[in-house]
């Protein structure tokens, strides 16, 4: 997803005026994701710094980053899946050039606990680290 596509993706959720309903839509969108098989729920794929268990796999295909994720709870899975969707298909350079936190752009962070916010920041850092390693 390039920056214009990412902004459009975010704006599609911003049409939902109520922040709680917006959060519900983000969580609902992740319900269709297939859970990781047990062999991918490894410590190597686990994102450190998250209170919840979060797994993230990044792959590079034809110069574009692709991300898959899973988490042990529906709220966290929804938020992490949204982050992955925002960065999926982007080039490493595009990911590193974009400092905007998509969850902040949706005004979803203010109602989350500080530990949950820190965990989501760790996921963004893992995505950026993956991109940095493929520049």
C-alpha atoms as a PDB file:
ATOM      1  CA  UNK A   1       0.000   0.000   0.000  1.00  0.00           C
ATOM      2  CA  UNK A   2       1.495   3.348  -0.908  1.00  0.00           C
ATOM      3  CA  UNK A   3       0.864   6.474   1.154  1.00  0.00           C
ATOM      4  CA  UNK A   4      -2.201   7.523  -0.851  1.00  0.00           C
ATOM      5  CA  UNK A   5      -3.745   4.049  -0.590  1.00  0.00           C
ATOM      6  CA  UNK A   6      -2.925   3.938   3.127  1.00  0.00           C
ATOM      7  CA  UNK A   7      -4.605   7.310   3.668  1.00  0.00           C
ATOM      8  CA  UNK A   8      -7.699   6.149   1.752  1.00  0.00           C
ATOM      9  CA  UNK A   9      -7.784   2.934   3.824  1.00  0.00           C
ATOM     10  CA  UNK A  10      -7.676   4.979   7.033  1.00  0.00           C
ATOM     11  CA  UNK A  11     -10.271   7.455   5.764  1.00  0.00           C
ATOM     12  CA  UNK A  12     -12.675   4.584   5.067  1.00  0.00           C
ATOM     13  CA  UNK A  13     -12.731   3.936   8.819  1.00  0.00           C
ATOM     14  CA  UNK A  14     -12.946   7.657   9.645  1.00  0.00           C
ATOM     15  CA  UNK A  15     -16.393   7.739   8.063  1.00  0.00           C
ATOM     16  CA  UNK A  16     -17.508   6.041  11.274  1.00  0.00           C
ATOM     17  CA  UNK A  17     -17.910   9.057  13.540  1.00  0.00           C
ATOM     18  CA  UNK A  18     -18.004   7.356  16.946  1.00  0.00           C
ATOM     19  CA  UNK A  19     -14.541   6.197  18.085  1.00  0.00           C
ATOM     20  CA  UNK A  20     -15.952   3.128  19.887  1.00  0.00           C
ATOM     21  CA  UNK A  21     -17.845   2.059  16.772  1.00  0.00           C
ATOM     22  CA  UNK A  22     -14.698   2.681  14.719  1.00  0.00           C
ATOM     23  CA  UNK A  23     -12.755   0.438  17.098  1.00  0.00           C
ATOM     24  CA  UNK A  24     -15.480  -2.196  16.752  1.00  0.00           C
ATOM     25  CA  UNK A  25     -15.180  -2.055  12.960  1.00  0.00           C
ATOM     26  CA  UNK A  26     -11.408  -2.493  13.159  1.00  0.00           C
ATOM     27  CA  UNK A  27     -11.795  -5.499  15.456  1.00  0.00           C
ATOM     28  CA  UNK A  28     -14.563  -7.003  13.302  1.00  0.00           C
ATOM     29  CA  UNK A  29     -12.412  -6.737  10.185  1.00  0.00           C
ATOM     30  CA  UNK A  30      -9.844  -9.064  11.780  1.00  0.00           C
ATOM     31  CA  UNK A  31     -12.343 -11.808  12.597  1.00  0.00           C
ATOM     32  CA  UNK A  32     -11.973 -13.164   9.044  1.00  0.00           C
ATOM     33  CA  UNK A  33      -8.231 -13.740   9.455  1.00  0.00           C
ATOM     34  CA  UNK A  34      -7.077 -17.309   9.715  1.00  0.00           C
ATOM     35  CA  UNK A  35      -5.228 -17.946  12.995  1.00  0.00           C
ATOM     36  CA  UNK A  36      -1.560 -18.833  12.721  1.00  0.00           C
ATOM     37  CA  UNK A  37      -0.829 -22.542  12.762  1.00  0.00           C
ATOM     38  CA  UNK A  38       0.927 -23.708  15.919  1.00  0.00           C
ATOM     39  CA  UNK A  39       4.276 -23.971  14.127  1.00  0.00           C
ATOM     40  CA  UNK A  40       4.203 -20.209  13.392  1.00  0.00           C
ATOM     41  CA  UNK A  41       3.332 -19.249  16.969  1.00  0.00           C
ATOM     42  CA  UNK A  42       6.979 -19.351  17.887  1.00  0.00           C
ATOM     43  CA  UNK A  43       9.127 -17.144  20.041  1.00  0.00           C
ATOM     44  CA  UNK A  44      10.983 -16.047  16.881  1.00  0.00           C
ATOM     45  CA  UNK A  45       7.725 -14.618  15.485  1.00  0.00           C
ATOM     46  CA  UNK A  46       6.534 -13.130  18.777  1.00  0.00           C
ATOM     47  CA  UNK A  47       6.688  -9.352  19.141  1.00  0.00           C
ATOM     48  CA  UNK A  48       8.578  -8.448  22.319  1.00  0.00           C
ATOM     49  CA  UNK A  49       7.120  -5.676  24.429  1.00  0.00           C
ATOM     50  CA  UNK A  50       3.494  -6.750  24.073  1.00  0.00           C
ATOM     51  CA  UNK A  51       1.577  -7.793  27.173  1.00  0.00           C
ATOM     52  CA  UNK A  52      -0.669  -9.901  24.962  1.00  0.00           C
ATOM     53  CA  UNK A  53       0.856 -12.576  22.812  1.00  0.00           C
ATOM     54  CA  UNK A  54       1.349 -11.103  19.337  1.00  0.00           C
ATOM     55  CA  UNK A  55       2.998 -12.864  16.431  1.00  0.00           C
ATOM     56  CA  UNK A  56       4.159 -11.084  13.300  1.00  0.00           C
ATOM     57  CA  UNK A  57       5.692 -12.470  10.132  1.00  0.00           C
ATOM     58  CA  UNK A  58       7.115 -10.155   7.509  1.00  0.00           C
ATOM     59  CA  UNK A  59       8.044 -11.273   4.013  1.00  0.00           C
ATOM     60  CA  UNK A  60       9.507  -9.397   1.070  1.00  0.00           C
ATOM     61  CA  UNK A  61       8.210 -10.200  -2.414  1.00  0.00           C
ATOM     62  CA  UNK A  62       9.223  -8.225  -5.502  1.00  0.00           C
ATOM     63  CA  UNK A  63      10.426  -5.330  -3.370  1.00  0.00           C
ATOM     64  CA  UNK A  64       7.210  -5.054  -1.340  1.00  0.00           C
ATOM     65  CA  UNK A  65       6.650  -5.970   2.286  1.00  0.00           C
ATOM     66  CA  UNK A  66       3.857  -8.317   3.256  1.00  0.00           C
ATOM     67  CA  UNK A  67       2.786  -8.955   6.823  1.00  0.00           C
ATOM     68  CA  UNK A  68       0.769 -11.609   8.579  1.00  0.00           C
ATOM     69  CA  UNK A  69      -0.162 -11.423  12.222  1.00  0.00           C
ATOM     70  CA  UNK A  70      -2.033 -13.094  15.013  1.00  0.00           C
ATOM     71  CA  UNK A  71      -2.741 -12.335  18.654  1.00  0.00           C
ATOM     72  CA  UNK A  72      -4.271 -14.125  21.594  1.00  0.00           C
ATOM     73  CA  UNK A  73      -7.213 -11.733  22.006  1.00  0.00           C
ATOM     74  CA  UNK A  74      -9.737 -10.272  19.559  1.00  0.00           C
ATOM     75  CA  UNK A  75      -9.111  -6.605  20.418  1.00  0.00           C
ATOM     76  CA  UNK A  76      -5.352  -6.818  20.051  1.00  0.00           C
ATOM     77  CA  UNK A  77      -5.672  -9.017  16.969  1.00  0.00           C
ATOM     78  CA  UNK A  78      -7.931  -6.421  15.371  1.00  0.00           C
ATOM     79  CA  UNK A  79      -5.576  -3.545  16.109  1.00  0.00           C
ATOM     80  CA  UNK A  80      -2.482  -5.454  14.986  1.00  0.00           C
ATOM     81  CA  UNK A  81      -4.247  -6.683  11.834  1.00  0.00           C
ATOM     82  CA  UNK A  82      -5.181  -3.091  11.026  1.00  0.00           C
ATOM     83  CA  UNK A  83      -1.533  -2.047  11.363  1.00  0.00           C
ATOM     84  CA  UNK A  84      -0.430  -4.923   9.153  1.00  0.00           C
ATOM     85  CA  UNK A  85      -3.029  -4.026   6.535  1.00  0.00           C
ATOM     86  CA  UNK A  86      -1.806  -0.425   6.522  1.00  0.00           C
ATOM     87  CA  UNK A  87       1.754  -1.483   5.735  1.00  0.00           C
ATOM     88  CA  UNK A  88       1.083  -4.559   3.602  1.00  0.00           C
ATOM     89  CA  UNK A  89       2.295  -4.151   0.028  1.00  0.00           C
ATOM     90  CA  UNK A  90       4.443  -1.122   0.845  1.00  0.00           C
ATOM     91  CA  UNK A  91       8.068  -0.853  -0.103  1.00  0.00           C
ATOM     92  CA  UNK A  92      10.534  -0.773   2.782  1.00  0.00           C
ATOM     93  CA  UNK A  93      11.367   2.851   1.913  1.00  0.00           C
ATOM     94  CA  UNK A  94       7.686   3.838   2.030  1.00  0.00           C
ATOM     95  CA  UNK A  95       7.262   2.260   5.459  1.00  0.00           C
ATOM     96  CA  UNK A  96      10.299   4.084   6.802  1.00  0.00           C
ATOM     97  CA  UNK A  97       9.254   7.406   5.240  1.00  0.00           C
ATOM     98  CA  UNK A  98       5.841   7.309   6.918  1.00  0.00           C
ATOM     99  CA  UNK A  99       5.969   8.320  10.574  1.00  0.00           C
ATOM    100  CA  UNK A 100       2.196   8.572  11.034  1.00  0.00           C
ATOM    101  CA  UNK A 101       0.718   6.012  13.400  1.00  0.00           C
ATOM    102  CA  UNK A 102      -2.404   4.697  11.639  1.00  0.00           C
ATOM    103  CA  UNK A 103      -4.097   3.954  14.964  1.00  0.00           C
ATOM    104  CA  UNK A 104      -3.499   7.511  16.143  1.00  0.00           C
ATOM    105  CA  UNK A 105      -4.915   8.767  12.840  1.00  0.00           C
ATOM    106  CA  UNK A 106      -8.115   6.876  13.699  1.00  0.00           C
ATOM    107  CA  UNK A 107      -8.090   8.336  17.225  1.00  0.00           C
ATOM    108  CA  UNK A 108      -8.082   4.841  18.712  1.00  0.00           C
ATOM    109  CA  UNK A 109      -5.097   5.107  21.029  1.00  0.00           C
ATOM    110  CA  UNK A 110      -6.510   7.474  23.631  1.00  0.00           C
ATOM    111  CA  UNK A 111      -8.959   4.878  24.966  1.00  0.00           C
ATOM    112  CA  UNK A 112      -6.319   2.160  25.269  1.00  0.00           C
ATOM    113  CA  UNK A 113      -4.290   1.465  28.377  1.00  0.00           C
ATOM    114  CA  UNK A 114      -0.655   2.616  28.389  1.00  0.00           C
ATOM    115  CA  UNK A 115       0.547  -1.011  28.324  1.00  0.00           C
ATOM    116  CA  UNK A 116      -1.609  -1.742  25.274  1.00  0.00           C
ATOM    117  CA  UNK A 117      -0.345   1.435  23.586  1.00  0.00           C
ATOM    118  CA  UNK A 118       3.232   0.347  24.296  1.00  0.00           C
ATOM    119  CA  UNK A 119       2.541  -3.086  22.828  1.00  0.00           C
ATOM    120  CA  UNK A 120       1.122  -1.580  19.637  1.00  0.00           C
ATOM    121  CA  UNK A 121       4.149   0.715  19.430  1.00  0.00           C
ATOM    122  CA  UNK A 122       6.285  -2.441  19.647  1.00  0.00           C
ATOM    123  CA  UNK A 123       4.381  -3.906  16.680  1.00  0.00           C
ATOM    124  CA  UNK A 124       4.974  -0.745  14.638  1.00  0.00           C
ATOM    125  CA  UNK A 125       8.641  -0.874  15.634  1.00  0.00           C
ATOM    126  CA  UNK A 126       8.830  -4.509  14.476  1.00  0.00           C
ATOM    127  CA  UNK A 127       7.287  -3.558  11.105  1.00  0.00           C
ATOM    128  CA  UNK A 128       9.764  -0.687  10.748  1.00  0.00           C
ATOM    129  CA  UNK A 129      12.655  -2.913  11.783  1.00  0.00           C
ATOM    130  CA  UNK A 130      11.665  -5.438   9.130  1.00  0.00           C
ATOM    131  CA  UNK A 131      11.536  -2.661   6.534  1.00  0.00           C
ATOM    132  CA  UNK A 132      14.906  -1.289   7.666  1.00  0.00           C
ATOM    133  CA  UNK A 133      16.503  -4.700   7.301  1.00  0.00           C
ATOM    134  CA  UNK A 134      15.342  -4.831   3.669  1.00  0.00           C
ATOM    135  CA  UNK A 135      16.540  -1.422   2.450  1.00  0.00           C
END
